[in-house]
């Protein structure tokens, strides 16, 4: 009886020790498991509009991507808000334009204008209605230049564009400007349609413009 009682006691002690070791091990593992996502989060940081680096205080993040040939439509992102994109199904052939409040960063208007067979007067009217304090974001798709005229070129030049005067058939163009801009905008890329250098058959390659534009303070 004494031997059996001793064996029962030793078995109980063994179970208690084993349970304590398992509980300690599980608690330690659980803590590591819970902390792991936080540790990863310190390394994986998503910037607004997926920019390569964050914008400083009082600056707005933006990314403008032109269309690729006549297949993939353009996209315009501002302060992590995708204003226009193929996914939103609000882009089209020609020029895709978004207007943003330069103080609040709020998207105000957007539209696409067919520059191959559309009515160019619609674009002229749209551009003339741009008021002070608005930022203008532009992305080309397929053909932005066939319906270009002197009035449209002058209006874009007054917004700070350096390339609008030479924009032509199937060129690639991305641009950010404003009406009250005194000098030419630093936010612009342009690629001429050239059969010898085109990436796609009949079109130059897609352009991508990203950056940080200062918030307008009145």
N, C-alpha and C. Protein backbone atom coordinates (compact mmCIF):
# COMPACT_ATOMS: atom_id res chain seq x y z
N UNK A 1 0.83 -1.20 0.00
CA UNK A 1 0.00 0.00 0.00
C UNK A 1 0.86 1.24 0.00
N UNK A 2 1.94 1.19 0.85
CA UNK A 2 2.83 2.36 0.91
C UNK A 2 3.50 2.59 -0.45
N UNK A 3 3.90 1.46 -1.09
CA UNK A 3 4.56 1.59 -2.41
C UNK A 3 3.58 2.15 -3.43
N UNK A 4 2.35 1.65 -3.41
CA UNK A 4 1.36 2.15 -4.37
C UNK A 4 1.07 3.62 -4.12
N UNK A 5 0.98 4.03 -2.85
CA UNK A 5 0.73 5.43 -2.53
C UNK A 5 1.88 6.31 -2.99
N UNK A 6 3.10 5.79 -2.83
CA UNK A 6 4.27 6.56 -3.26
C UNK A 6 4.28 6.73 -4.77
N UNK A 7 3.90 5.66 -5.48
CA UNK A 7 3.85 5.75 -6.95
C UNK A 7 2.81 6.76 -7.40
N UNK A 8 1.65 6.76 -6.73
CA UNK A 8 0.61 7.74 -7.05
C UNK A 8 1.10 9.16 -6.83
N UNK A 9 1.83 9.35 -5.73
CA UNK A 9 2.35 10.68 -5.41
C UNK A 9 3.36 11.14 -6.45
N UNK A 10 4.27 10.22 -6.84
CA UNK A 10 5.29 10.57 -7.84
C UNK A 10 4.63 10.86 -9.20
N UNK A 11 3.60 10.08 -9.53
CA UNK A 11 2.90 10.31 -10.79
C UNK A 11 2.24 11.69 -10.79
N UNK A 12 1.64 12.05 -9.65
CA UNK A 12 1.01 13.37 -9.54
C UNK A 12 2.03 14.49 -9.69
N UNK A 13 3.17 14.31 -9.03
CA UNK A 13 4.24 15.32 -9.14
C UNK A 13 4.71 15.43 -10.59
N UNK A 14 4.86 14.30 -11.27
CA UNK A 14 5.31 14.29 -12.67
C UNK A 14 4.32 15.05 -13.57
N UNK A 15 3.01 14.78 -13.33
CA UNK A 15 1.99 15.44 -14.14
C UNK A 15 2.01 16.95 -13.90
N UNK A 16 2.17 17.36 -12.63
CA UNK A 16 2.20 18.78 -12.31
C UNK A 16 3.41 19.47 -12.94
N UNK A 17 4.57 18.83 -12.87
CA UNK A 17 5.79 19.43 -13.44
C UNK A 17 5.68 19.52 -14.96
N UNK A 18 5.17 18.44 -15.58
CA UNK A 18 5.01 18.43 -17.04
C UNK A 18 4.03 19.51 -17.49
N UNK A 19 2.93 19.63 -16.75
CA UNK A 19 1.94 20.64 -17.08
C UNK A 19 2.52 22.04 -16.95
N UNK A 20 3.29 22.27 -15.93
CA UNK A 20 3.91 23.59 -15.71
C UNK A 20 4.86 23.94 -16.85
N UNK A 21 5.65 22.96 -17.29
CA UNK A 21 6.60 23.18 -18.40
C UNK A 21 5.84 23.49 -19.69
N UNK A 22 4.77 22.75 -19.95
CA UNK A 22 3.97 22.99 -21.16
C UNK A 22 3.33 24.35 -21.15
N UNK A 23 2.79 24.75 -19.99
CA UNK A 23 2.16 26.06 -19.87
C UNK A 23 3.16 27.17 -20.11
N UNK A 24 4.35 27.04 -19.51
CA UNK A 24 5.40 28.06 -19.71
C UNK A 24 5.81 28.15 -21.17
N UNK A 25 5.96 26.98 -21.80
CA UNK A 25 6.37 26.95 -23.21
C UNK A 25 5.29 27.56 -24.09
N UNK A 26 4.04 27.25 -23.83
CA UNK A 26 2.93 27.77 -24.64
C UNK A 26 2.81 29.28 -24.48
N UNK A 27 2.97 29.74 -23.23
CA UNK A 27 2.87 31.18 -22.99
C UNK A 27 3.95 31.93 -23.72
N UNK A 28 5.17 31.40 -23.66
CA UNK A 28 6.29 32.04 -24.36
C UNK A 28 6.06 32.06 -25.85
N UNK A 29 5.59 30.95 -26.42
CA UNK A 29 5.31 30.87 -27.86
C UNK A 29 4.21 31.84 -28.25
N UNK A 30 3.16 31.92 -27.38
CA UNK A 30 2.05 32.80 -27.69
C UNK A 30 2.48 34.25 -27.72
N UNK A 31 3.36 34.62 -26.78
CA UNK A 31 3.84 35.99 -26.76
C UNK A 31 4.62 36.31 -28.02
N UNK A 32 5.45 35.38 -28.47
CA UNK A 32 6.21 35.60 -29.69
C UNK A 32 5.28 35.68 -30.88
N UNK A 33 4.25 34.85 -30.87
CA UNK A 33 3.30 34.86 -31.99
C UNK A 33 2.53 36.17 -32.05
N UNK A 34 2.13 36.69 -30.92
CA UNK A 34 1.37 37.94 -30.87
C UNK A 34 2.24 39.12 -31.26
N UNK A 35 3.49 39.10 -30.88
CA UNK A 35 4.38 40.22 -31.15
C UNK A 35 4.89 40.24 -32.58
N UNK A 36 4.81 39.12 -33.28
CA UNK A 36 5.41 39.03 -34.61
C UNK A 36 4.82 40.02 -35.60
N UNK A 37 3.49 40.15 -35.72
CA UNK A 37 2.95 41.12 -36.68
C UNK A 37 3.40 42.54 -36.37
N UNK A 38 3.50 42.90 -35.07
CA UNK A 38 3.96 44.23 -34.72
C UNK A 38 5.40 44.43 -35.17
N UNK A 39 6.20 43.38 -35.02
CA UNK A 39 7.60 43.47 -35.45
C UNK A 39 7.70 43.64 -36.95
N UNK A 40 6.84 42.90 -37.70
CA UNK A 40 6.85 43.04 -39.15
C UNK A 40 6.35 44.41 -39.57
N UNK A 41 5.39 44.97 -38.82
CA UNK A 41 4.84 46.26 -39.17
C UNK A 41 5.86 47.37 -39.12
N UNK A 42 6.91 47.20 -38.31
CA UNK A 42 7.94 48.21 -38.24
C UNK A 42 8.76 48.26 -39.51
N UNK A 43 8.72 47.19 -40.30
CA UNK A 43 9.51 47.12 -41.52
C UNK A 43 8.68 47.35 -42.77
N UNK A 44 7.42 46.94 -42.74
CA UNK A 44 6.55 47.08 -43.90
C UNK A 44 5.60 48.24 -43.66
N UNK A 45 5.88 49.38 -44.27
CA UNK A 45 5.08 50.58 -44.10
C UNK A 45 4.53 50.98 -45.46
N UNK A 46 3.22 51.16 -45.56
CA UNK A 46 2.58 51.57 -46.81
C UNK A 46 2.44 53.08 -46.82
N UNK A 47 3.05 53.71 -47.82
CA UNK A 47 2.92 55.15 -47.97
C UNK A 47 1.68 55.48 -48.80
N UNK A 48 1.19 56.68 -48.67
CA UNK A 48 0.02 57.11 -49.42
C UNK A 48 0.29 56.99 -50.91
N UNK A 49 -0.69 56.49 -51.63
CA UNK A 49 -0.60 56.27 -53.09
C UNK A 49 0.57 55.35 -53.46
N UNK A 50 1.05 54.57 -52.48
CA UNK A 50 2.17 53.64 -52.70
C UNK A 50 3.43 54.36 -53.18
N UNK A 51 3.66 55.55 -52.66
CA UNK A 51 4.88 56.27 -53.00
C UNK A 51 6.09 55.54 -52.44
N UNK A 52 7.25 55.79 -53.04
CA UNK A 52 8.47 55.14 -52.60
C UNK A 52 8.93 55.66 -51.25
N UNK A 53 8.51 56.88 -50.88
CA UNK A 53 8.84 57.42 -49.56
C UNK A 53 7.71 58.35 -49.12
N UNK A 54 7.53 58.54 -47.82
CA UNK A 54 6.42 59.37 -47.33
C UNK A 54 6.66 60.85 -47.60
N UNK A 55 5.58 61.59 -47.67
CA UNK A 55 5.67 63.04 -47.87
C UNK A 55 5.81 63.74 -46.51
N UNK A 56 6.50 64.87 -46.47
CA UNK A 56 6.61 65.62 -45.22
C UNK A 56 5.30 66.29 -44.84
N UNK A 57 5.28 66.86 -43.68
CA UNK A 57 4.08 67.55 -43.19
C UNK A 57 3.74 68.72 -44.11
N UNK A 58 2.44 68.95 -44.30
CA UNK A 58 1.93 70.02 -45.16
C UNK A 58 2.23 69.80 -46.64
N UNK A 59 2.41 68.54 -47.01
CA UNK A 59 2.57 68.17 -48.42
C UNK A 59 1.56 67.06 -48.73
N UNK A 60 1.05 67.09 -49.96
CA UNK A 60 0.12 66.06 -50.42
C UNK A 60 0.85 65.05 -51.29
N UNK A 61 0.53 63.77 -51.10
CA UNK A 61 1.10 62.70 -51.91
C UNK A 61 0.24 62.49 -53.16
N UNK A 62 0.90 62.24 -54.30
CA UNK A 62 0.16 61.96 -55.52
C UNK A 62 0.94 60.99 -56.40
N UNK A 63 0.21 60.30 -57.24
CA UNK A 63 0.82 59.44 -58.26
C UNK A 63 -0.08 59.45 -59.49
N UNK A 64 0.53 59.72 -60.64
CA UNK A 64 -0.19 59.75 -61.91
C UNK A 64 0.48 58.75 -62.86
N UNK A 65 -0.30 57.85 -63.41
CA UNK A 65 0.23 56.86 -64.35
C UNK A 65 -0.55 56.96 -65.65
N UNK A 66 0.17 57.14 -66.75
CA UNK A 66 -0.49 57.24 -68.05
C UNK A 66 -0.99 55.86 -68.49
N UNK A 67 -1.79 55.86 -69.55
CA UNK A 67 -2.22 54.59 -70.10
C UNK A 67 -1.09 53.89 -70.83
N UNK A 68 -1.24 52.60 -71.02
CA UNK A 68 -0.27 51.81 -71.78
C UNK A 68 -0.90 51.45 -73.12
N UNK A 69 -0.36 52.05 -74.19
CA UNK A 69 -0.91 51.87 -75.54
C UNK A 69 -2.41 52.21 -75.49
N UNK A 70 -3.24 51.37 -76.10
CA UNK A 70 -4.69 51.56 -76.00
C UNK A 70 -5.33 50.39 -75.26
N UNK A 71 -4.52 49.75 -74.40
CA UNK A 71 -4.96 48.55 -73.69
C UNK A 71 -5.26 48.83 -72.22
N UNK A 72 -4.28 49.36 -71.50
CA UNK A 72 -4.42 49.58 -70.06
C UNK A 72 -4.64 51.07 -69.80
N UNK A 73 -5.72 51.39 -69.12
CA UNK A 73 -6.05 52.78 -68.85
C UNK A 73 -5.17 53.41 -67.78
N UNK A 74 -5.23 54.73 -67.66
CA UNK A 74 -4.40 55.46 -66.70
C UNK A 74 -5.00 55.43 -65.30
N UNK A 75 -4.26 55.99 -64.34
CA UNK A 75 -4.78 56.12 -62.98
C UNK A 75 -4.24 57.40 -62.36
N UNK A 76 -5.05 57.99 -61.50
CA UNK A 76 -4.68 59.21 -60.78
C UNK A 76 -5.01 59.02 -59.32
N UNK A 77 -3.99 59.08 -58.46
CA UNK A 77 -4.16 58.93 -57.01
C UNK A 77 -3.70 60.21 -56.32
N UNK A 78 -4.47 60.64 -55.32
CA UNK A 78 -4.11 61.84 -54.56
C UNK A 78 -4.44 61.61 -53.09
N UNK A 79 -3.42 61.74 -52.23
CA UNK A 79 -3.59 61.54 -50.79
C UNK A 79 -4.25 60.20 -50.48
N UNK A 80 -3.78 59.17 -51.18
CA UNK A 80 -4.23 57.79 -50.99
C UNK A 80 -5.66 57.56 -51.48
N UNK A 81 -6.22 58.52 -52.19
CA UNK A 81 -7.56 58.36 -52.77
C UNK A 81 -7.41 58.16 -54.28
N UNK A 82 -7.81 56.99 -54.75
CA UNK A 82 -7.73 56.70 -56.18
C UNK A 82 -8.90 57.41 -56.86
N UNK A 83 -8.61 58.53 -57.49
CA UNK A 83 -9.67 59.34 -58.10
C UNK A 83 -10.14 58.73 -59.41
N UNK A 84 -9.18 58.31 -60.24
CA UNK A 84 -9.52 57.74 -61.55
C UNK A 84 -8.65 56.50 -61.79
N UNK A 85 -9.26 55.46 -62.36
CA UNK A 85 -8.53 54.24 -62.66
C UNK A 85 -9.39 53.32 -63.50
N UNK A 86 -8.79 52.33 -64.18
CA UNK A 86 -9.59 51.35 -64.92
C UNK A 86 -10.52 50.56 -64.02
N UNK A 87 -10.08 50.30 -62.79
CA UNK A 87 -10.91 49.54 -61.86
C UNK A 87 -12.19 50.31 -61.53
N UNK A 88 -12.07 51.63 -61.38
CA UNK A 88 -13.24 52.46 -61.10
C UNK A 88 -14.08 52.70 -62.35
N UNK A 89 -13.54 52.31 -63.50
CA UNK A 89 -14.24 52.43 -64.77
C UNK A 89 -14.66 53.88 -65.07
N UNK A 90 -13.74 54.82 -64.79
CA UNK A 90 -14.04 56.23 -65.05
C UNK A 90 -12.92 56.90 -65.84
N UNK A 91 -12.19 56.12 -66.64
CA UNK A 91 -11.15 56.66 -67.51
C UNK A 91 -11.53 56.39 -68.96
N UNK A 92 -10.86 57.11 -69.88
CA UNK A 92 -11.17 56.92 -71.28
C UNK A 92 -10.07 57.42 -72.19
N UNK A 93 -10.22 57.17 -73.46
CA UNK A 93 -9.24 57.58 -74.46
C UNK A 93 -9.10 59.11 -74.46
N UNK A 94 -7.86 59.57 -74.60
CA UNK A 94 -7.60 61.00 -74.67
C UNK A 94 -6.91 61.52 -73.43
N UNK A 95 -7.49 62.54 -72.82
CA UNK A 95 -6.93 63.15 -71.61
C UNK A 95 -7.85 62.91 -70.42
N UNK A 96 -7.27 62.37 -69.35
CA UNK A 96 -8.00 62.12 -68.11
C UNK A 96 -7.54 63.15 -67.08
N UNK A 97 -8.48 63.92 -66.55
CA UNK A 97 -8.13 65.07 -65.73
C UNK A 97 -8.91 65.04 -64.42
N UNK A 98 -8.18 65.31 -63.31
CA UNK A 98 -8.80 65.42 -62.00
C UNK A 98 -8.44 66.78 -61.40
N UNK A 99 -9.42 67.41 -60.77
CA UNK A 99 -9.22 68.68 -60.09
C UNK A 99 -9.31 68.46 -58.59
N UNK A 100 -8.33 69.01 -57.85
CA UNK A 100 -8.25 68.79 -56.41
C UNK A 100 -8.10 70.14 -55.71
N UNK A 101 -8.75 70.30 -54.57
CA UNK A 101 -8.59 71.50 -53.75
C UNK A 101 -7.16 71.52 -53.19
N UNK A 102 -6.42 72.58 -53.51
CA UNK A 102 -5.02 72.65 -53.11
C UNK A 102 -4.80 72.89 -51.64
N UNK A 103 -5.86 73.22 -50.91
CA UNK A 103 -5.74 73.45 -49.47
C UNK A 103 -6.18 72.25 -48.66
N UNK A 104 -7.32 71.66 -49.03
CA UNK A 104 -7.87 70.54 -48.26
C UNK A 104 -7.46 69.17 -48.82
N UNK A 105 -7.07 69.13 -50.09
CA UNK A 105 -6.74 67.86 -50.72
C UNK A 105 -7.96 67.09 -51.20
N UNK A 106 -9.12 67.70 -51.16
CA UNK A 106 -10.35 67.02 -51.56
C UNK A 106 -10.50 67.04 -53.07
N UNK A 107 -10.87 65.89 -53.63
CA UNK A 107 -11.14 65.80 -55.06
C UNK A 107 -12.44 66.54 -55.38
N UNK A 108 -12.39 67.40 -56.38
CA UNK A 108 -13.54 68.24 -56.73
C UNK A 108 -14.27 67.76 -57.97
N UNK A 109 -13.54 67.55 -59.05
CA UNK A 109 -14.14 67.12 -60.31
C UNK A 109 -13.15 66.22 -61.05
N UNK A 110 -13.68 65.42 -61.95
CA UNK A 110 -12.80 64.65 -62.82
C UNK A 110 -13.57 64.32 -64.10
N UNK A 111 -12.82 64.06 -65.14
CA UNK A 111 -13.45 63.72 -66.40
C UNK A 111 -12.42 63.26 -67.41
N UNK A 112 -12.88 62.61 -68.48
CA UNK A 112 -11.97 62.22 -69.56
C UNK A 112 -12.52 62.77 -70.87
N UNK A 113 -11.60 63.18 -71.73
CA UNK A 113 -11.95 63.89 -72.95
C UNK A 113 -11.30 63.19 -74.15
N UNK A 114 -12.15 62.75 -75.05
CA UNK A 114 -11.70 62.03 -76.24
C UNK A 114 -11.00 63.02 -77.17
N UNK A 115 -9.69 62.84 -77.34
CA UNK A 115 -8.90 63.76 -78.15
C UNK A 115 -8.63 63.20 -79.55
N UNK A 116 -9.31 62.12 -79.90
CA UNK A 116 -9.18 61.57 -81.25
C UNK A 116 -10.39 61.90 -82.10
N UNK A 117 -11.58 61.67 -81.55
CA UNK A 117 -12.78 61.93 -82.33
C UNK A 117 -13.84 62.68 -81.52
N UNK A 118 -13.46 63.19 -80.34
CA UNK A 118 -14.42 63.88 -79.50
C UNK A 118 -14.52 65.36 -79.82
N UNK A 119 -15.28 66.07 -78.98
CA UNK A 119 -15.51 67.50 -79.14
C UNK A 119 -14.52 68.26 -78.26
N UNK A 120 -13.56 68.93 -78.89
CA UNK A 120 -12.51 69.63 -78.16
C UNK A 120 -13.05 70.81 -77.35
N UNK A 121 -14.20 71.34 -77.73
CA UNK A 121 -14.75 72.48 -77.00
C UNK A 121 -15.15 72.10 -75.57
N UNK A 122 -15.45 70.84 -75.35
CA UNK A 122 -15.78 70.38 -73.99
C UNK A 122 -14.56 70.51 -73.07
N UNK A 123 -13.40 70.19 -73.60
CA UNK A 123 -12.18 70.32 -72.81
C UNK A 123 -11.84 71.78 -72.58
N UNK A 124 -12.02 72.62 -73.59
CA UNK A 124 -11.76 74.05 -73.43
C UNK A 124 -12.64 74.62 -72.31
N UNK A 125 -13.90 74.27 -72.31
CA UNK A 125 -14.82 74.74 -71.27
C UNK A 125 -14.39 74.26 -69.90
N UNK A 126 -13.99 72.99 -69.80
CA UNK A 126 -13.56 72.40 -68.53
C UNK A 126 -12.34 73.15 -67.99
N UNK A 127 -11.37 73.42 -68.85
CA UNK A 127 -10.13 74.08 -68.42
C UNK A 127 -10.36 75.53 -68.03
N UNK A 128 -11.26 76.20 -68.73
CA UNK A 128 -11.53 77.61 -68.42
C UNK A 128 -12.26 77.77 -67.10
N UNK A 129 -12.90 76.72 -66.61
CA UNK A 129 -13.64 76.79 -65.35
C UNK A 129 -12.76 76.48 -64.13
N UNK A 130 -11.49 76.18 -64.38
CA UNK A 130 -10.58 75.91 -63.27
C UNK A 130 -10.29 77.21 -62.54
N UNK A 131 -10.50 77.22 -61.24
CA UNK A 131 -10.31 78.44 -60.45
C UNK A 131 -9.02 78.38 -59.65
N UNK A 132 -8.65 79.50 -59.06
CA UNK A 132 -7.45 79.55 -58.24
C UNK A 132 -7.60 78.62 -57.04
N UNK A 133 -6.48 78.05 -56.64
CA UNK A 133 -6.49 77.13 -55.51
C UNK A 133 -6.70 75.69 -55.89
N UNK A 134 -6.98 75.42 -57.17
CA UNK A 134 -7.18 74.04 -57.63
C UNK A 134 -5.88 73.47 -58.19
N UNK A 135 -5.64 72.22 -57.91
CA UNK A 135 -4.56 71.47 -58.54
C UNK A 135 -5.14 70.66 -59.69
N UNK A 136 -4.39 70.58 -60.78
CA UNK A 136 -4.86 69.88 -61.98
C UNK A 136 -3.94 68.70 -62.25
N UNK A 137 -4.50 67.49 -62.27
CA UNK A 137 -3.73 66.27 -62.52
C UNK A 137 -4.20 65.67 -63.83
N UNK A 138 -3.24 65.37 -64.73
CA UNK A 138 -3.57 64.94 -66.08
C UNK A 138 -2.82 63.65 -66.43
N UNK A 139 -3.51 62.71 -67.06
CA UNK A 139 -2.89 61.48 -67.55
C UNK A 139 -3.43 61.17 -68.95
N UNK A 140 -2.54 60.88 -69.87
CA UNK A 140 -2.95 60.56 -71.24
C UNK A 140 -3.27 59.08 -71.37
N UNK A 141 -4.06 58.78 -72.41
CA UNK A 141 -4.39 57.39 -72.72
C UNK A 141 -4.66 57.28 -74.22
N UNK A 142 -3.94 56.40 -74.88
CA UNK A 142 -4.08 56.14 -76.31
C UNK A 142 -3.64 57.36 -77.13
N UNK A 143 -4.54 58.28 -77.40
CA UNK A 143 -4.20 59.45 -78.22
C UNK A 143 -4.66 60.74 -77.55
N UNK A 144 -3.72 61.54 -77.03
CA UNK A 144 -4.10 62.80 -76.38
C UNK A 144 -3.95 64.02 -77.28
N UNK A 145 -3.50 63.84 -78.55
CA UNK A 145 -3.08 65.00 -79.30
C UNK A 145 -3.79 65.35 -80.58
N UNK A 146 -4.57 64.44 -81.17
CA UNK A 146 -5.16 64.71 -82.48
C UNK A 146 -6.06 65.94 -82.47
N UNK A 147 -6.86 66.10 -81.43
CA UNK A 147 -7.79 67.23 -81.36
C UNK A 147 -7.20 68.45 -80.66
N UNK A 148 -5.91 68.41 -80.36
CA UNK A 148 -5.26 69.55 -79.72
C UNK A 148 -5.33 70.77 -80.63
N UNK A 149 -5.60 71.92 -80.04
CA UNK A 149 -5.57 73.18 -80.80
C UNK A 149 -4.83 74.23 -79.98
N UNK A 150 -4.66 75.39 -80.53
CA UNK A 150 -3.89 76.44 -79.87
C UNK A 150 -4.51 76.87 -78.55
N UNK A 151 -5.84 76.92 -78.49
CA UNK A 151 -6.51 77.32 -77.25
C UNK A 151 -6.19 76.34 -76.12
N UNK A 152 -6.28 75.05 -76.41
CA UNK A 152 -6.02 74.03 -75.39
C UNK A 152 -4.56 74.06 -74.97
N UNK A 153 -3.66 74.18 -75.92
CA UNK A 153 -2.23 74.23 -75.60
C UNK A 153 -1.92 75.44 -74.70
N UNK A 154 -2.53 76.57 -75.00
CA UNK A 154 -2.29 77.78 -74.20
C UNK A 154 -2.84 77.62 -72.79
N UNK A 155 -4.03 77.03 -72.68
CA UNK A 155 -4.62 76.82 -71.36
C UNK A 155 -3.76 75.91 -70.50
N UNK A 156 -3.24 74.83 -71.06
CA UNK A 156 -2.36 73.94 -70.30
C UNK A 156 -1.03 74.62 -69.97
N UNK A 157 -0.52 75.42 -70.90
CA UNK A 157 0.72 76.15 -70.64
C UNK A 157 0.55 77.12 -69.49
N UNK A 158 -0.63 77.75 -69.41
CA UNK A 158 -0.91 78.66 -68.31
C UNK A 158 -1.04 77.94 -66.97
N UNK A 159 -1.27 76.64 -67.02
CA UNK A 159 -1.32 75.83 -65.80
C UNK A 159 0.07 75.35 -65.38
N UNK A 160 1.07 75.67 -66.19
CA UNK A 160 2.45 75.33 -65.84
C UNK A 160 3.08 74.26 -66.69
N UNK A 161 2.40 73.82 -67.76
CA UNK A 161 2.94 72.76 -68.60
C UNK A 161 4.02 73.27 -69.55
N UNK A 162 5.06 72.48 -69.69
CA UNK A 162 6.12 72.78 -70.66
C UNK A 162 5.97 71.95 -71.92
N UNK A 163 5.14 70.92 -71.88
CA UNK A 163 5.06 69.96 -72.99
C UNK A 163 3.78 70.06 -73.80
N UNK A 164 2.79 70.80 -73.30
CA UNK A 164 1.50 70.85 -74.00
C UNK A 164 1.63 71.39 -75.42
N UNK A 165 2.59 72.28 -75.63
CA UNK A 165 2.74 72.90 -76.96
C UNK A 165 3.19 71.90 -78.02
N UNK A 166 3.80 70.79 -77.59
CA UNK A 166 4.28 69.81 -78.56
C UNK A 166 3.54 68.49 -78.49
N UNK A 167 2.48 68.42 -77.68
CA UNK A 167 1.73 67.18 -77.51
C UNK A 167 1.05 66.80 -78.82
N UNK A 168 1.24 65.57 -79.25
CA UNK A 168 0.70 65.14 -80.52
C UNK A 168 0.10 63.75 -80.48
N UNK A 169 -0.12 63.19 -81.64
CA UNK A 169 -0.77 61.90 -81.82
C UNK A 169 -0.06 60.78 -81.07
N UNK A 170 -0.77 60.13 -80.16
CA UNK A 170 -0.32 58.96 -79.40
C UNK A 170 0.91 59.23 -78.53
N UNK A 171 1.15 60.46 -78.16
CA UNK A 171 2.23 60.75 -77.20
C UNK A 171 1.79 60.32 -75.80
N UNK A 172 2.76 60.12 -74.90
CA UNK A 172 2.47 59.83 -73.49
C UNK A 172 2.76 61.08 -72.67
N UNK A 173 1.83 61.39 -71.74
CA UNK A 173 1.97 62.64 -70.97
C UNK A 173 1.31 62.50 -69.61
N UNK A 174 2.03 62.91 -68.57
CA UNK A 174 1.47 63.02 -67.22
C UNK A 174 1.91 64.37 -66.66
N UNK A 175 1.01 65.00 -65.89
CA UNK A 175 1.25 66.40 -65.52
C UNK A 175 0.44 66.77 -64.29
N UNK A 176 1.04 67.61 -63.43
CA UNK A 176 0.34 68.23 -62.32
C UNK A 176 0.66 69.72 -62.34
N UNK A 177 -0.37 70.55 -62.34
CA UNK A 177 -0.16 71.99 -62.38
C UNK A 177 -1.25 72.73 -61.63
N UNK A 178 -1.22 74.07 -61.76
CA UNK A 178 -2.20 74.93 -61.10
C UNK A 178 -2.29 76.24 -61.86
N UNK A 179 -3.43 76.90 -61.76
CA UNK A 179 -3.67 78.10 -62.56
C UNK A 179 -2.74 79.24 -62.17
N UNK A 180 -2.48 79.39 -60.86
CA UNK A 180 -1.71 80.54 -60.41
C UNK A 180 -0.20 80.26 -60.39
N UNK A 181 0.23 79.17 -61.00
CA UNK A 181 1.64 78.81 -61.00
C UNK A 181 2.44 79.81 -61.85
N UNK A 182 3.42 80.46 -61.23
CA UNK A 182 4.18 81.50 -61.91
C UNK A 182 5.24 80.91 -62.83
N UNK A 183 5.86 79.83 -62.41
CA UNK A 183 6.88 79.18 -63.22
C UNK A 183 6.33 77.86 -63.77
N UNK A 184 7.11 77.20 -64.58
CA UNK A 184 6.69 75.91 -65.12
C UNK A 184 6.68 74.86 -64.01
N UNK A 185 5.72 73.95 -64.10
CA UNK A 185 5.57 72.92 -63.07
C UNK A 185 6.74 71.95 -63.09
N UNK A 186 7.24 71.56 -61.91
CA UNK A 186 8.28 70.53 -61.85
C UNK A 186 7.72 69.12 -61.98
N UNK A 187 6.38 69.03 -62.00
CA UNK A 187 5.72 67.72 -62.03
C UNK A 187 5.16 67.45 -63.43
N UNK A 188 6.01 66.94 -64.30
CA UNK A 188 5.57 66.67 -65.67
C UNK A 188 6.53 65.70 -66.34
N UNK A 189 5.96 64.77 -67.10
CA UNK A 189 6.75 63.86 -67.93
C UNK A 189 6.08 63.75 -69.29
N UNK A 190 6.91 63.67 -70.32
CA UNK A 190 6.40 63.64 -71.69
C UNK A 190 7.27 62.72 -72.53
N UNK A 191 6.61 61.92 -73.36
CA UNK A 191 7.34 61.01 -74.24
C UNK A 191 6.70 61.03 -75.61
N UNK A 192 7.50 61.36 -76.62
CA UNK A 192 7.01 61.50 -77.98
C UNK A 192 6.78 60.14 -78.63
N UNK A 193 5.72 60.06 -79.42
CA UNK A 193 5.46 58.87 -80.22
C UNK A 193 6.50 58.79 -81.32
N UNK A 194 7.35 57.78 -81.26
CA UNK A 194 8.44 57.64 -82.22
C UNK A 194 8.57 56.16 -82.58
N UNK A 195 8.41 55.84 -83.83
CA UNK A 195 8.44 54.43 -84.26
C UNK A 195 9.76 53.75 -83.92
N UNK A 196 10.83 54.51 -83.84
CA UNK A 196 12.15 53.92 -83.57
C UNK A 196 12.37 53.64 -82.09
N UNK A 197 11.67 54.35 -81.23
CA UNK A 197 11.90 54.20 -79.78
C UNK A 197 10.68 53.69 -79.03
N UNK A 198 9.53 53.58 -79.68
CA UNK A 198 8.31 53.13 -78.99
C UNK A 198 8.50 51.77 -78.33
N UNK A 199 7.97 51.65 -77.11
CA UNK A 199 8.03 50.37 -76.40
C UNK A 199 6.95 49.44 -76.92
N UNK A 200 5.78 50.00 -77.20
CA UNK A 200 4.67 49.22 -77.73
C UNK A 200 4.54 49.53 -79.23
N UNK A 201 3.93 48.67 -79.96
CA UNK A 201 3.77 48.89 -81.40
C UNK A 201 2.80 50.05 -81.65
N UNK A 202 3.37 51.20 -82.01
CA UNK A 202 2.54 52.37 -82.28
C UNK A 202 2.40 53.32 -81.13
N UNK A 203 2.93 53.00 -79.94
CA UNK A 203 2.83 53.87 -78.77
C UNK A 203 4.14 53.86 -77.98
N UNK A 204 4.48 54.99 -77.36
CA UNK A 204 5.61 55.00 -76.43
C UNK A 204 5.23 54.31 -75.12
N UNK A 205 6.20 54.15 -74.25
CA UNK A 205 5.92 53.43 -73.01
C UNK A 205 5.08 54.24 -72.03
N UNK A 206 4.54 53.55 -71.07
CA UNK A 206 3.74 54.16 -70.02
C UNK A 206 4.61 55.04 -69.14
N UNK A 207 4.07 56.15 -68.68
CA UNK A 207 4.80 57.06 -67.80
C UNK A 207 4.20 57.03 -66.40
N UNK A 208 5.06 57.18 -65.40
CA UNK A 208 4.62 57.20 -64.01
C UNK A 208 5.26 58.39 -63.30
N UNK A 209 4.42 59.22 -62.71
CA UNK A 209 4.88 60.43 -62.03
C UNK A 209 4.36 60.41 -60.60
N UNK A 210 5.26 60.49 -59.65
CA UNK A 210 4.85 60.53 -58.25
C UNK A 210 5.63 61.62 -57.52
N UNK A 211 5.07 62.10 -56.43
CA UNK A 211 5.76 63.14 -55.69
C UNK A 211 4.93 63.70 -54.55
N UNK A 212 5.42 64.80 -54.00
CA UNK A 212 4.78 65.49 -52.89
C UNK A 212 4.60 66.96 -53.28
N UNK A 213 3.38 67.40 -53.34
CA UNK A 213 3.09 68.78 -53.72
C UNK A 213 2.70 69.56 -52.47
N UNK A 214 3.27 70.76 -52.30
CA UNK A 214 2.98 71.51 -51.07
C UNK A 214 1.52 71.93 -50.97
N UNK A 215 1.02 71.85 -49.76
CA UNK A 215 -0.35 72.29 -49.50
C UNK A 215 -0.43 73.81 -49.62
N UNK A 216 -1.46 74.29 -50.29
CA UNK A 216 -1.63 75.72 -50.45
C UNK A 216 -2.28 76.28 -49.19
N UNK A 217 -1.63 77.26 -48.59
CA UNK A 217 -2.14 77.87 -47.37
C UNK A 217 -2.51 79.32 -47.67
N UNK A 218 -3.77 79.66 -47.45
CA UNK A 218 -4.23 81.01 -47.75
C UNK A 218 -4.07 81.92 -46.53
